[in-house]
Amino acid sequence: MSKLFTRKMFGLFFYYLHTLLINLFVRDILFIFTHGNVFIFLLIFMFFRIKVFLISFLFGILLIKFLLLTYSRFFIYNHKNS
């Protein structure tokens, strides 16, 4: 039961992250095609997107490490006490 819960939680987290990134990149591509000044857009807007992506990626790695450590300690504690 606990493994199923953690799999569902990680599945929902990665599904949310995947759809968020797809929505961001699709919106950026549509903005490129609807506006004429592509060069300035690539310099400013995509640089900002890459920074946001890297920050969110690092935050996601830290969150996964924290969740894994917390759940492993919780399961070991429950297993020893049962």
Protein backbone atom coordinates (compact mmCIF):
# COMPACT_ATOMS: atom_id res chain seq x y z
CA MET A 1 0.00 0.00 0.00
CA SER A 2 2.77 2.44 0.86
CA LYS A 3 4.73 1.72 -2.33
CA LEU A 4 1.57 2.27 -4.36
CA PHE A 5 0.99 5.61 -2.64
CA THR A 6 4.53 6.84 -3.29
CA ARG A 7 4.36 5.71 -6.93
CA LYS A 8 1.10 7.60 -7.41
CA MET A 9 2.54 10.69 -5.74
CA PHE A 10 5.71 10.70 -7.87
CA GLY A 11 3.62 9.96 -10.96
CA LEU A 12 1.37 12.94 -10.31
CA PHE A 13 4.40 15.16 -9.61
CA PHE A 14 6.16 14.22 -12.87
CA TYR A 15 2.89 14.48 -14.83
CA TYR A 16 2.36 18.00 -13.48
CA LEU A 17 5.96 18.99 -14.24
CA HIS A 18 5.75 17.56 -17.77
CA THR A 19 2.49 19.35 -18.63
CA LEU A 20 3.80 22.59 -17.14
CA LEU A 21 6.94 22.49 -19.28
CA ILE A 22 4.97 21.58 -22.42
CA ASN A 23 2.57 24.48 -21.82
CA LEU A 24 5.44 26.93 -21.31
CA PHE A 25 7.31 25.88 -24.47
CA VAL A 26 4.15 25.78 -26.62
CA ARG A 27 3.26 29.28 -25.46
CA ASP A 28 6.77 30.49 -26.27
CA ILE A 29 6.67 28.96 -29.77
CA LEU A 30 3.26 30.53 -30.45
CA PHE A 31 4.64 33.88 -29.27
CA ILE A 32 7.55 33.54 -31.71
CA PHE A 33 5.22 32.86 -34.64
CA THR A 34 2.77 35.65 -33.80
CA HIS A 35 5.36 38.39 -33.13
CA GLY A 36 7.92 39.57 -35.61
CA ASN A 37 10.95 40.34 -33.48
CA VAL A 38 12.29 36.82 -33.00
CA PHE A 39 15.88 37.75 -32.20
CA ILE A 40 15.11 39.93 -29.17
CA PHE A 41 12.62 37.33 -28.00
CA LEU A 42 15.25 34.59 -28.15
CA LEU A 43 17.79 36.72 -26.32
CA ILE A 44 15.59 37.88 -23.45
CA PHE A 45 12.61 35.57 -23.07
CA MET A 46 14.23 32.17 -23.70
CA PHE A 47 17.15 33.06 -21.42
CA PHE A 48 14.60 33.78 -18.70
CA ARG A 49 12.81 30.50 -19.45
CA ILE A 50 16.04 28.51 -19.26
CA LYS A 51 16.86 30.09 -15.90
CA VAL A 52 13.37 29.32 -14.61
CA PHE A 53 13.64 25.74 -15.91
CA LEU A 54 17.01 25.20 -14.20
CA ILE A 55 15.76 26.64 -10.91
CA SER A 56 12.61 24.50 -11.00
CA PHE A 57 14.65 21.42 -11.98
CA LEU A 58 17.03 21.88 -9.05
CA PHE A 59 14.12 22.54 -6.71
CA GLY A 60 12.44 19.35 -7.97
CA ILE A 61 15.60 17.33 -7.29
CA LEU A 62 15.82 18.75 -3.77
CA LEU A 63 12.12 18.04 -3.18
CA ILE A 64 12.49 14.43 -4.37
CA LYS A 65 15.53 13.92 -2.12
CA PHE A 66 13.64 15.36 0.85
CA LEU A 67 10.59 13.18 0.19
CA LEU A 68 12.70 10.04 -0.25
CA LEU A 69 14.60 10.68 2.98
CA THR A 70 11.43 11.46 4.91
CA TYR A 71 9.52 8.44 3.64
CA SER A 72 12.45 6.06 4.08
CA ARG A 73 12.90 7.16 7.71
CA PHE A 74 9.16 6.86 8.30
CA PHE A 75 8.94 3.37 6.79
CA ILE A 76 12.05 2.13 8.64
CA TYR A 77 10.68 3.50 11.92
CA ASN A 78 7.30 1.82 11.37
CA HIS A 79 8.93 -1.43 10.29
CA LYS A 80 11.10 -1.57 13.43
CA ASN A 81 8.16 -0.83 15.74
CA SER A 82 5.79 -3.32 14.18
